[in-house]
Each structure stands twice: as C-alpha cells, then as structure tokens.
PDB file of all heavy atoms in Angstrom:
ATOM      1  N   ALA A   1     -56.574 -46.831   4.718  1.00  0.00           N
ATOM      2  CA  ALA A   1     -56.583 -46.505   6.141  1.00  0.00           C
ATOM      3  C   ALA A   1     -57.521 -47.432   6.959  1.00  0.00           C
ATOM      4  O   ALA A   1     -57.191 -47.946   8.039  1.00  0.00           O
ATOM      5  CB  ALA A   1     -56.922 -45.027   6.418  1.00  0.00           C
ATOM      6  N   SER A   2     -58.682 -47.688   6.371  1.00  0.00           N
ATOM      7  CA  SER A   2     -59.614 -48.630   7.019  1.00  0.00           C
ATOM      8  C   SER A   2     -59.112 -50.029   7.029  1.00  0.00           C
ATOM      9  O   SER A   2     -59.216 -50.703   8.116  1.00  0.00           O
ATOM     10  CB  SER A   2     -60.944 -48.565   6.219  1.00  0.00           C
ATOM     11  OG  SER A   2     -61.527 -47.282   6.244  1.00  0.00           O
ATOM     12  N   LEU A   3     -58.467 -50.444   5.957  1.00  0.00           N
ATOM     13  CA  LEU A   3     -57.915 -51.825   5.964  1.00  0.00           C
ATOM     14  C   LEU A   3     -56.730 -51.887   7.015  1.00  0.00           C
ATOM     15  O   LEU A   3     -56.629 -52.915   7.741  1.00  0.00           O
ATOM     16  CB  LEU A   3     -57.421 -52.073   4.548  1.00  0.00           C
ATOM     17  CG  LEU A   3     -56.901 -53.562   4.347  1.00  0.00           C
ATOM     18  CD1 LEU A   3     -57.979 -54.558   4.584  1.00  0.00           C
ATOM     19  CD2 LEU A   3     -56.396 -53.735   2.857  1.00  0.00           C
ATOM     20  N   ALA A   4     -55.954 -50.967   7.095  1.00  0.00           N
ATOM     21  CA  ALA A   4     -54.823 -50.914   8.020  1.00  0.00           C
ATOM     22  C   ALA A   4     -55.436 -50.920   9.420  1.00  0.00           C
ATOM     23  O   ALA A   4     -54.832 -51.686  10.355  1.00  0.00           O
ATOM     24  CB  ALA A   4     -53.919 -49.718   7.804  1.00  0.00           C
ATOM     25  N   SER A   5     -56.451 -50.241   9.702  1.00  0.00           N
ATOM     26  CA  SER A   5     -57.084 -50.151  11.033  1.00  0.00           C
ATOM     27  C   SER A   5     -57.656 -51.553  11.392  1.00  0.00           C
ATOM     28  O   SER A   5     -57.530 -51.993  12.466  1.00  0.00           O
ATOM     29  CB  SER A   5     -58.196 -49.075  11.041  1.00  0.00           C
ATOM     30  OG  SER A   5     -58.788 -49.060  12.343  1.00  0.00           O
ATOM     31  N   LEU A   6     -58.356 -52.126  10.418  1.00  0.00           N
ATOM     32  CA  LEU A   6     -58.914 -53.499  10.595  1.00  0.00           C
ATOM     33  C   LEU A   6     -57.830 -54.518  10.985  1.00  0.00           C
ATOM     34  O   LEU A   6     -57.949 -55.262  11.908  1.00  0.00           O
ATOM     35  CB  LEU A   6     -59.720 -53.934   9.410  1.00  0.00           C
ATOM     36  CG  LEU A   6     -60.357 -55.316   9.437  1.00  0.00           C
ATOM     37  CD1 LEU A   6     -61.471 -55.269  10.464  1.00  0.00           C
ATOM     38  CD2 LEU A   6     -60.803 -55.745   8.108  1.00  0.00           C
ATOM     39  N   ILE A   7     -56.733 -54.481  10.204  1.00  0.00           N
ATOM     40  CA  ILE A   7     -55.612 -55.445  10.485  1.00  0.00           C
ATOM     41  C   ILE A   7     -55.032 -55.175  11.799  1.00  0.00           C
ATOM     42  O   ILE A   7     -54.755 -56.130  12.540  1.00  0.00           O
ATOM     43  CB  ILE A   7     -54.563 -55.307   9.315  1.00  0.00           C
ATOM     44  CG1 ILE A   7     -55.208 -55.829   7.972  1.00  0.00           C
ATOM     45  CG2 ILE A   7     -53.298 -56.079   9.688  1.00  0.00           C
ATOM     46  CD1 ILE A   7     -54.291 -55.523   6.757  1.00  0.00           C
ATOM     47  N   TRP A   8     -54.827 -53.880  12.154  1.00  0.00           N
ATOM     48  CA  TRP A   8     -54.287 -53.531  13.446  1.00  0.00           C
ATOM     49  C   TRP A   8     -55.109 -54.112  14.592  1.00  0.00           C
ATOM     50  O   TRP A   8     -54.601 -54.693  15.520  1.00  0.00           O
ATOM     51  CB  TRP A   8     -54.124 -52.034  13.550  1.00  0.00           C
ATOM     52  CG  TRP A   8     -53.782 -51.584  14.880  1.00  0.00           C
ATOM     53  CD1 TRP A   8     -54.563 -50.908  15.809  1.00  0.00           C
ATOM     54  CD2 TRP A   8     -52.515 -51.741  15.628  1.00  0.00           C
ATOM     55  NE1 TRP A   8     -53.982 -50.700  17.027  1.00  0.00           N
ATOM     56  CE2 TRP A   8     -52.686 -51.166  16.942  1.00  0.00           C
ATOM     57  CE3 TRP A   8     -51.284 -52.321  15.314  1.00  0.00           C
ATOM     58  CZ2 TRP A   8     -51.679 -51.240  17.905  1.00  0.00           C
ATOM     59  CZ3 TRP A   8     -50.323 -52.316  16.250  1.00  0.00           C
ATOM     60  CH2 TRP A   8     -50.447 -51.787  17.465  1.00  0.00           C
ATOM     61  N   PHE A   9     -56.454 -53.815  14.560  1.00  0.00           N
ATOM     62  CA  PHE A   9     -57.259 -54.254  15.726  1.00  0.00           C
ATOM     63  C   PHE A   9     -57.349 -55.763  15.823  1.00  0.00           C
ATOM     64  O   PHE A   9     -57.447 -56.274  16.859  1.00  0.00           O
ATOM     65  CB  PHE A   9     -58.576 -53.520  15.682  1.00  0.00           C
ATOM     66  CG  PHE A   9     -58.490 -52.109  16.149  1.00  0.00           C
ATOM     67  CD1 PHE A   9     -58.709 -51.035  15.227  1.00  0.00           C
ATOM     68  CD2 PHE A   9     -58.091 -51.779  17.420  1.00  0.00           C
ATOM     69  CE1 PHE A   9     -58.544 -49.714  15.650  1.00  0.00           C
ATOM     70  CE2 PHE A   9     -58.042 -50.452  17.872  1.00  0.00           C
ATOM     71  CZ  PHE A   9     -58.191 -49.430  16.987  1.00  0.00           C
ATOM     72  N   VAL A  10     -57.538 -56.382  14.630  1.00  0.00           N
ATOM     73  CA  VAL A  10     -57.550 -57.899  14.701  1.00  0.00           C
ATOM     74  C   VAL A  10     -56.317 -58.421  15.207  1.00  0.00           C
ATOM     75  O   VAL A  10     -56.283 -59.361  16.073  1.00  0.00           O
ATOM     76  CB  VAL A  10     -57.886 -58.445  13.306  1.00  0.00           C
ATOM     77  CG1 VAL A  10     -57.698 -59.951  13.220  1.00  0.00           C
ATOM     78  CG2 VAL A  10     -59.345 -58.032  12.876  1.00  0.00           C
ATOM     79  N   SER A  11     -55.152 -57.920  14.774  1.00  0.00           N
ATOM     80  CA  SER A  11     -53.864 -58.350  15.279  1.00  0.00           C
ATOM     81  C   SER A  11     -53.678 -58.109  16.783  1.00  0.00           C
ATOM     82  O   SER A  11     -53.214 -58.928  17.508  1.00  0.00           O
ATOM     83  CB  SER A  11     -52.700 -57.695  14.453  1.00  0.00           C
ATOM     84  OG  SER A  11     -52.792 -57.960  13.150  1.00  0.00           O
ATOM     85  N   LEU A  12     -54.151 -56.910  17.180  1.00  0.00           N
ATOM     86  CA  LEU A  12     -54.133 -56.588  18.644  1.00  0.00           C
ATOM     87  C   LEU A  12     -54.893 -57.589  19.461  1.00  0.00           C
ATOM     88  O   LEU A  12     -54.404 -58.001  20.490  1.00  0.00           O
ATOM     89  CB  LEU A  12     -54.620 -55.147  18.801  1.00  0.00           C
ATOM     90  CG  LEU A  12     -54.369 -54.500  20.105  1.00  0.00           C
ATOM     91  CD1 LEU A  12     -52.874 -54.321  20.364  1.00  0.00           C
ATOM     92  CD2 LEU A  12     -55.069 -53.155  20.083  1.00  0.00           C
ATOM     93  N   GLY A  13     -56.100 -57.959  18.988  1.00  0.00           N
ATOM     94  CA  GLY A  13     -56.923 -58.841  19.687  1.00  0.00           C
ATOM     95  C   GLY A  13     -56.279 -60.280  19.799  1.00  0.00           C
ATOM     96  O   GLY A  13     -56.150 -60.892  20.909  1.00  0.00           O
ATOM     97  N   TYR A  14     -55.886 -60.821  18.654  1.00  0.00           N
ATOM     98  CA  TYR A  14     -55.232 -62.129  18.693  1.00  0.00           C
ATOM     99  C   TYR A  14     -53.865 -62.120  19.335  1.00  0.00           C
ATOM    100  O   TYR A  14     -53.460 -63.037  19.990  1.00  0.00           O
ATOM    101  CB  TYR A  14     -55.067 -62.682  17.253  1.00  0.00           C
ATOM    102  CG  TYR A  14     -56.389 -63.195  16.725  1.00  0.00           C
ATOM    103  CD1 TYR A  14     -57.005 -62.548  15.670  1.00  0.00           C
ATOM    104  CD2 TYR A  14     -57.076 -64.320  17.244  1.00  0.00           C
ATOM    105  CE1 TYR A  14     -58.221 -62.993  15.110  1.00  0.00           C
ATOM    106  CE2 TYR A  14     -58.273 -64.812  16.804  1.00  0.00           C
ATOM    107  CZ  TYR A  14     -58.858 -64.073  15.763  1.00  0.00           C
ATOM    108  OH  TYR A  14     -60.074 -64.521  15.250  1.00  0.00           O
ATOM    109  N   GLY A  15     -53.151 -60.991  19.117  1.00  0.00           N
ATOM    110  CA  GLY A  15     -51.842 -60.899  19.804  1.00  0.00           C
ATOM    111  C   GLY A  15     -51.965 -60.828  21.308  1.00  0.00           C
ATOM    112  O   GLY A  15     -51.095 -61.409  22.043  1.00  0.00           O
ATOM    113  N   SER A  16     -52.921 -60.153  21.867  1.00  0.00           N
ATOM    114  CA  SER A  16     -53.170 -60.073  23.248  1.00  0.00           C
ATOM    115  C   SER A  16     -53.505 -61.425  23.849  1.00  0.00           C
ATOM    116  O   SER A  16     -53.048 -61.822  24.940  1.00  0.00           O
ATOM    117  CB  SER A  16     -54.197 -59.076  23.661  1.00  0.00           C
ATOM    118  OG  SER A  16     -55.485 -59.478  23.156  1.00  0.00           O
ATOM    119  N   LYS A  17     -54.271 -62.231  23.133  1.00  0.00           N
ATOM    120  CA  LYS A  17     -54.595 -63.580  23.593  1.00  0.00           C
ATOM    121  C   LYS A  17     -53.350 -64.387  23.601  1.00  0.00           C
ATOM    122  O   LYS A  17     -53.134 -65.193  24.576  1.00  0.00           O
ATOM    123  CB  LYS A  17     -55.685 -64.158  22.643  1.00  0.00           C
ATOM    124  CG  LYS A  17     -56.109 -65.496  23.036  1.00  0.00           C
ATOM    125  CD  LYS A  17     -57.162 -66.024  22.157  1.00  0.00           C
ATOM    126  CE  LYS A  17     -57.675 -67.448  22.526  1.00  0.00           C
ATOM    127  NZ  LYS A  17     -58.553 -68.002  21.585  1.00  0.00           N
ATOM    128  N   ALA A  18     -52.491 -64.266  22.609  1.00  0.00           N
ATOM    129  CA  ALA A  18     -51.242 -65.060  22.517  1.00  0.00           C
ATOM    130  C   ALA A  18     -50.264 -64.639  23.603  1.00  0.00           C
ATOM    131  O   ALA A  18     -49.544 -65.467  24.124  1.00  0.00           O
ATOM    132  CB  ALA A  18     -50.673 -64.944  21.142  1.00  0.00           C
ATOM    133  N   ALA A  19     -50.302 -63.361  23.918  1.00  0.00           N
ATOM    134  CA  ALA A  19     -49.290 -62.825  24.924  1.00  0.00           C
ATOM    135  C   ALA A  19     -49.739 -62.944  26.351  1.00  0.00           C
ATOM    136  O   ALA A  19     -48.975 -62.580  27.221  1.00  0.00           O
ATOM    137  CB  ALA A  19     -48.910 -61.371  24.572  1.00  0.00           C
ATOM    138  N   ALA A  20     -50.961 -63.308  26.595  1.00  0.00           N
ATOM    139  CA  ALA A  20     -51.508 -63.342  27.923  1.00  0.00           C
ATOM    140  C   ALA A  20     -50.617 -64.117  28.864  1.00  0.00           C
ATOM    141  O   ALA A  20     -50.466 -63.823  30.021  1.00  0.00           O
ATOM    142  CB  ALA A  20     -52.955 -63.818  27.926  1.00  0.00           C
ATOM    143  N   ARG A  21     -50.230 -65.344  28.405  1.00  0.00           N
ATOM    144  CA  ARG A  21     -49.467 -66.280  29.253  1.00  0.00           C
ATOM    145  C   ARG A  21     -48.154 -65.608  29.635  1.00  0.00           C
ATOM    146  O   ARG A  21     -47.731 -65.669  30.829  1.00  0.00           O
ATOM    147  CB  ARG A  21     -49.189 -67.507  28.545  1.00  0.00           C
ATOM    148  CG  ARG A  21     -48.939 -68.667  29.565  1.00  0.00           C
ATOM    149  CD  ARG A  21     -48.913 -70.035  28.831  1.00  0.00           C
ATOM    150  NE  ARG A  21     -50.208 -70.355  28.343  1.00  0.00           N
ATOM    151  CZ  ARG A  21     -50.456 -71.261  27.379  1.00  0.00           C
ATOM    152  NH1 ARG A  21     -49.458 -71.929  26.816  1.00  0.00           N
ATOM    153  NH2 ARG A  21     -51.714 -71.557  27.042  1.00  0.00           N
ATOM    154  N   VAL A  22     -47.451 -65.021  28.698  1.00  0.00           N
ATOM    155  CA  VAL A  22     -46.181 -64.352  28.975  1.00  0.00           C
ATOM    156  C   VAL A  22     -46.388 -63.095  29.834  1.00  0.00           C
ATOM    157  O   VAL A  22     -45.601 -62.845  30.812  1.00  0.00           O
ATOM    158  CB  VAL A  22     -45.474 -63.929  27.633  1.00  0.00           C
ATOM    159  CG1 VAL A  22     -44.232 -63.104  27.873  1.00  0.00           C
ATOM    160  CG2 VAL A  22     -45.247 -65.147  26.789  1.00  0.00           C
ATOM    161  N   MET A  23     -47.383 -62.342  29.586  1.00  0.00           N
ATOM    162  CA  MET A  23     -47.692 -61.059  30.366  1.00  0.00           C
ATOM    163  C   MET A  23     -48.143 -61.382  31.757  1.00  0.00           C
ATOM    164  O   MET A  23     -48.193 -60.479  32.626  1.00  0.00           O
ATOM    165  CB  MET A  23     -48.644 -60.184  29.599  1.00  0.00           C
ATOM    166  CG  MET A  23     -48.117 -59.668  28.281  1.00  0.00           C
ATOM    167  SD  MET A  23     -46.497 -58.949  28.337  1.00  0.00           S
ATOM    168  CE  MET A  23     -46.923 -57.405  29.186  1.00  0.00           C
ATOM    169  N   ALA A  24     -48.455 -62.584  32.108  1.00  0.00           N
ATOM    170  CA  ALA A  24     -48.888 -62.872  33.446  1.00  0.00           C
ATOM    171  C   ALA A  24     -47.780 -62.990  34.416  1.00  0.00           C
ATOM    172  O   ALA A  24     -47.950 -63.000  35.654  1.00  0.00           O
ATOM    173  CB  ALA A  24     -49.605 -64.261  33.433  1.00  0.00           C
ATOM    174  N   ARG A  25     -46.541 -62.992  33.937  1.00  0.00           N
ATOM    175  CA  ARG A  25     -45.359 -63.063  34.814  1.00  0.00           C
ATOM    176  C   ARG A  25     -44.899 -61.689  35.181  1.00  0.00           C
ATOM    177  O   ARG A  25     -44.763 -60.705  34.409  1.00  0.00           O
ATOM    178  CB  ARG A  25     -44.181 -63.737  33.986  1.00  0.00           C
ATOM    179  CG  ARG A  25     -44.433 -65.128  33.688  1.00  0.00           C
ATOM    180  CD  ARG A  25     -43.208 -65.784  33.063  1.00  0.00           C
ATOM    181  NE  ARG A  25     -43.626 -66.641  32.069  1.00  0.00           N
ATOM    182  CZ  ARG A  25     -42.904 -66.938  30.982  1.00  0.00           C
ATOM    183  NH1 ARG A  25     -41.723 -66.327  30.724  1.00  0.00           N
ATOM    184  NH2 ARG A  25     -43.289 -67.777  30.027  1.00  0.00           N
TER     185      ARG A  25
END
C-alpha cells in the first residue's frame, strides 16, 4: 500500500507538470 501510494503521488506530480500545457486551454 505504501509503495502504491508513493507511485501514485509521484505520477500525479509529474503527470500534472506534463498536462499543464494541455489543461491551460
């Protein structure tokens, strides 16, 4: 559960950075 949580929050952080340009529209 801890590993899944770590992967989730790291993915959320990097994913939000990657999606920022698309979400600006």
